[in-house]
Amino acid sequence: MSNSHKVWVLTGTEIEPYFRNQETDDVLMTTPTPTAQTLYRTVGTAKVFTEQSEALEAKISLVEDQLAASQALLDESRQQLLEVRAKSAGLTAKPTCMAEFHPQAWQGDYAIDVDPGMSEFDVTDQIEAMGREKALALEDCEYSSDDLRAGRNVEAWIRDWDGPFYVRVEDAVRGYFEEKDAALKKADEGLAKVLRKRPVRDDSPEP
């Protein structure tokens, strides 16, 4: 390294430019050549860098700026996603699946409808538990649909009815999944709209 070569010195948390003294490498100067205003310092335990460190420091600074810009963009997109989901949840009520319970009584050899007449009961939990494919295979007036009255959200008198009865649920199940699909599509469209409007920043890092 030549006597007047520029170096960088780590002083505390700062990196400061100095120059090698022409007389001795143990002394650094604040100017390339001695003047009345020149300040001197001994190398001592200071950590000295070559001029190559300047390029490395600049590169690190650029990467840090790019990371900060990317993080800001990520935070902004996440916030917009939360807002879209919140709006979607507020505008679209959670769908429910309501089955029909028809109580009956025997009259001779025939089962006839009796009071209190048809009553709806919530089977959403049961439908979700069995899954879409199995739920859509349910048929009215079958043992599989009759068993829905055993759900925890069902009124006690329906669960405990000891006479004949039948349950209608086919149309309700189809409508339930159609409503769910429509709500999901609406939420996806809202998110896609937000992402299309996301600002593009020139200082984002290259992929």
Protein backbone atom coordinates (compact mmCIF):
# COMPACT_ATOMS: atom_id res chain seq x y z
CA MET A 1 0.00 0.00 0.00
CA SER A 2 1.49 3.41 -0.97
CA ASN A 3 2.10 6.05 1.69
CA SER A 4 -0.59 8.44 0.45
CA HIS A 5 -3.17 5.70 -0.21
CA LYS A 6 -6.70 6.48 0.98
CA VAL A 7 -8.04 4.18 3.67
CA TRP A 8 -11.23 3.89 5.65
CA VAL A 9 -11.17 3.73 9.41
CA LEU A 10 -13.88 2.30 11.62
CA THR A 11 -14.29 4.77 14.49
CA GLY A 12 -16.97 3.55 16.84
CA THR A 13 -19.97 2.95 14.55
CA GLU A 14 -18.80 5.25 11.73
CA ILE A 15 -16.46 4.62 8.80
CA GLU A 16 -14.32 7.71 8.13
CA PRO A 17 -11.86 8.46 5.27
CA TYR A 18 -8.16 8.95 6.14
CA PHE A 19 -4.82 8.90 4.29
CA ARG A 20 -1.57 7.14 5.05
CA ASN A 21 1.10 9.44 6.40
CA GLN A 22 4.03 9.80 4.01
CA GLU A 23 6.48 9.32 6.84
CA THR A 24 5.01 6.38 8.68
CA ASP A 25 2.21 3.89 8.21
CA ASP A 26 1.40 4.12 11.93
CA VAL A 27 -0.11 7.58 11.53
CA LEU A 28 -3.18 8.54 9.55
CA MET A 29 -4.08 12.00 8.24
CA THR A 30 -7.36 13.71 7.35
CA THR A 31 -5.79 15.12 4.13
CA PRO A 32 -3.62 13.48 1.43
CA THR A 33 -0.71 15.80 2.30
CA PRO A 34 0.12 17.64 5.53
CA THR A 35 -1.42 21.11 5.93
CA ALA A 36 -2.06 23.41 8.84
CA GLN A 37 -5.59 22.00 9.07
CA THR A 38 -4.53 18.34 8.89
CA LEU A 39 -5.60 16.19 11.79
CA TYR A 40 -3.57 13.14 12.73
CA ARG A 41 -4.28 9.92 14.53
CA THR A 42 -2.34 6.78 15.20
CA VAL A 43 -3.61 3.56 13.75
CA GLY A 44 -3.68 1.99 17.19
CA THR A 45 -6.52 -0.51 17.48
CA ALA A 46 -8.69 1.22 14.86
CA LYS A 47 -9.91 -1.14 12.15
CA VAL A 48 -8.50 0.08 8.81
CA PHE A 49 -10.06 -0.75 5.41
CA THR A 50 -8.72 -0.31 1.90
CA GLU A 51 -10.52 1.67 -0.81
CA GLN A 52 -12.25 -1.56 -1.88
CA SER A 53 -14.38 -1.28 1.22
CA GLU A 54 -16.01 1.81 -0.23
CA ALA A 55 -17.52 -0.21 -3.05
CA LEU A 56 -18.59 -2.94 -0.64
CA GLU A 57 -20.18 -0.44 1.70
CA ALA A 58 -22.06 1.12 -1.21
CA LYS A 59 -23.27 -2.30 -2.33
CA ILE A 60 -24.45 -3.16 1.18
CA SER A 61 -26.25 0.16 1.45
CA LEU A 62 -28.01 -0.45 -1.87
CA VAL A 63 -29.12 -3.93 -0.82
CA GLU A 64 -30.38 -2.59 2.51
CA ASP A 65 -32.40 0.07 0.68
CA GLN A 66 -33.85 -2.56 -1.66
CA LEU A 67 -34.77 -4.81 1.26
CA ALA A 68 -36.46 -1.92 3.04
CA ALA A 69 -38.45 -1.07 -0.10
CA SER A 70 -39.47 -4.70 -0.56
CA GLN A 71 -40.50 -5.01 3.08
CA ALA A 72 -42.58 -1.85 2.82
CA LEU A 73 -44.29 -3.21 -0.30
CA LEU A 74 -44.92 -6.53 1.40
CA ASP A 75 -46.41 -4.85 4.48
CA GLU A 76 -48.63 -2.69 2.28
CA SER A 77 -49.90 -5.71 0.31
CA ARG A 78 -50.59 -7.65 3.50
CA GLN A 79 -52.57 -4.75 4.92
CA GLN A 80 -54.61 -4.48 1.72
CA LEU A 81 -55.29 -8.21 1.83
CA LEU A 82 -56.58 -7.91 5.40
CA GLU A 83 -58.84 -5.04 4.35
CA VAL A 84 -60.25 -7.05 1.43
CA ARG A 85 -60.94 -10.03 3.68
CA ALA A 86 -62.57 -7.81 6.29
CA LYS A 87 -64.83 -6.21 3.68
CA SER A 88 -65.67 -9.61 2.23
CA ALA A 89 -66.58 -10.94 5.67
CA GLY A 90 -68.71 -7.90 6.38
CA LEU A 91 -70.60 -7.96 3.09
CA THR A 92 -71.08 -11.71 2.80
CA ALA A 93 -72.78 -13.46 5.69
CA LYS A 94 -71.60 -16.96 6.46
CA PRO A 95 -74.00 -19.35 4.69
CA THR A 96 -75.97 -21.90 6.66
CA CYS A 97 -77.60 -25.12 5.57
CA MET A 98 -81.14 -25.58 6.87
CA ALA A 99 -82.89 -28.92 6.56
CA GLU A 100 -86.67 -29.44 6.84
CA PHE A 101 -88.10 -31.72 9.53
CA HIS A 102 -91.60 -33.03 8.87
CA PRO A 103 -93.16 -34.66 11.98
CA GLN A 104 -95.82 -37.29 11.40
CA ALA A 105 -98.11 -39.67 13.25
CA TRP A 106 -99.69 -42.98 12.33
CA GLN A 107 -103.30 -43.01 11.19
CA GLY A 108 -104.11 -46.60 10.51
CA ASP A 109 -101.45 -47.80 8.09
CA TYR A 110 -100.58 -44.32 6.94
CA ALA A 111 -98.22 -41.68 8.29
CA ILE A 112 -99.75 -38.22 8.14
CA ASP A 113 -98.26 -34.78 8.81
CA VAL A 114 -99.06 -33.40 12.25
CA ASP A 115 -98.44 -30.29 14.34
CA PRO A 116 -96.30 -28.32 14.72
CA GLY A 117 -95.75 -28.91 11.02
CA MET A 118 -92.58 -28.49 9.03
CA SER A 119 -89.69 -26.98 11.00
CA GLU A 120 -86.24 -26.03 9.76
CA PHE A 121 -83.11 -27.02 11.65
CA ASP A 122 -79.45 -26.13 11.16
CA VAL A 123 -77.31 -28.92 9.72
CA THR A 124 -74.31 -26.80 8.68
CA ASP A 125 -71.90 -28.53 11.06
CA GLN A 126 -72.94 -31.99 9.89
CA ILE A 127 -72.66 -31.03 6.22
CA GLU A 128 -69.19 -29.56 6.70
CA ALA A 129 -68.06 -32.59 8.70
CA MET A 130 -69.06 -35.09 6.03
CA GLY A 131 -67.49 -33.12 3.18
CA ARG A 132 -68.84 -31.72 -0.06
CA GLU A 133 -69.04 -34.94 -2.09
CA LYS A 134 -70.77 -36.97 0.58
CA ALA A 135 -73.10 -34.13 1.51
CA LEU A 136 -74.25 -33.62 -2.10
CA ALA A 137 -75.08 -37.34 -2.25
CA LEU A 138 -77.70 -36.99 0.50
CA GLU A 139 -81.27 -37.70 -0.58
CA ASP A 140 -84.57 -36.63 0.92
CA CYS A 141 -86.55 -39.10 3.02
CA GLU A 142 -83.62 -41.51 3.44
CA TYR A 143 -81.91 -42.84 6.56
CA SER A 144 -78.80 -40.78 5.78
CA SER A 145 -80.77 -37.53 5.79
CA ASP A 146 -82.94 -38.63 8.74
CA ASP A 147 -79.79 -39.01 10.84
CA LEU A 148 -79.07 -35.29 10.49
CA ARG A 149 -81.58 -34.57 13.26
CA ALA A 150 -79.06 -35.95 15.77
CA GLY A 151 -76.85 -32.85 15.40
CA ARG A 152 -75.94 -30.75 18.45
CA ASN A 153 -77.58 -27.62 17.03
CA VAL A 154 -80.94 -29.34 16.57
CA GLU A 155 -83.84 -28.57 18.90
CA ALA A 156 -84.52 -31.26 21.48
CA TRP A 157 -88.07 -31.97 20.34
CA ILE A 158 -86.84 -32.78 16.82
CA ARG A 159 -84.09 -35.07 18.12
CA ASP A 160 -86.52 -36.82 20.47
CA TRP A 161 -89.49 -37.16 18.09
CA ASP A 162 -90.65 -40.77 18.52
CA GLY A 163 -93.20 -40.89 15.73
CA PRO A 164 -92.67 -41.21 11.98
CA PHE A 165 -91.04 -38.30 10.20
CA TYR A 166 -89.02 -37.39 7.13
CA VAL A 167 -86.28 -34.89 6.35
CA ARG A 168 -85.77 -32.84 3.20
CA VAL A 169 -82.27 -31.53 2.62
CA GLU A 170 -81.21 -32.07 -1.01
CA ASP A 171 -82.01 -28.57 -2.27
CA ALA A 172 -80.60 -26.97 0.88
CA VAL A 173 -77.24 -28.70 0.48
CA ARG A 174 -76.91 -27.67 -3.17
CA GLY A 175 -77.84 -24.10 -2.32
CA TYR A 176 -75.39 -24.05 0.58
CA PHE A 177 -72.38 -25.00 -1.54
CA GLU A 178 -73.43 -22.68 -4.36
CA GLU A 179 -73.53 -19.79 -1.88
CA LYS A 180 -70.12 -20.73 -0.47
CA ASP A 181 -68.61 -20.89 -3.97
CA ALA A 182 -70.06 -17.49 -4.85
CA ALA A 183 -68.66 -15.91 -1.67
CA LEU A 184 -65.21 -17.39 -2.30
CA LYS A 185 -65.22 -16.18 -5.90
CA LYS A 186 -66.17 -12.69 -4.77
CA ALA A 187 -63.35 -12.62 -2.24
CA ASP A 188 -60.83 -13.84 -4.84
CA GLU A 189 -61.95 -11.19 -7.30
CA GLY A 190 -61.55 -8.51 -4.65
CA LEU A 191 -58.02 -9.68 -3.82
CA ALA A 192 -57.06 -9.84 -7.50
CA LYS A 193 -58.31 -6.28 -7.94
CA VAL A 194 -56.16 -5.08 -5.06
CA LEU A 195 -53.07 -6.84 -6.37
CA ARG A 196 -53.57 -5.36 -9.85
CA LYS A 197 -53.57 -1.90 -8.29
CA ARG A 198 -50.43 -2.59 -6.24
CA PRO A 199 -47.81 0.10 -6.97
CA VAL A 200 -44.73 -0.97 -8.89
CA ARG A 201 -41.51 0.40 -7.43
CA ASP A 202 -38.37 0.93 -9.45
CA ASP A 203 -36.17 0.32 -6.42
CA SER A 204 -37.45 -3.22 -5.87
CA PRO A 205 -34.64 -5.81 -6.03
CA GLU A 206 -34.18 -7.79 -9.19
CA PRO A 207 -35.48 -11.39 -8.94
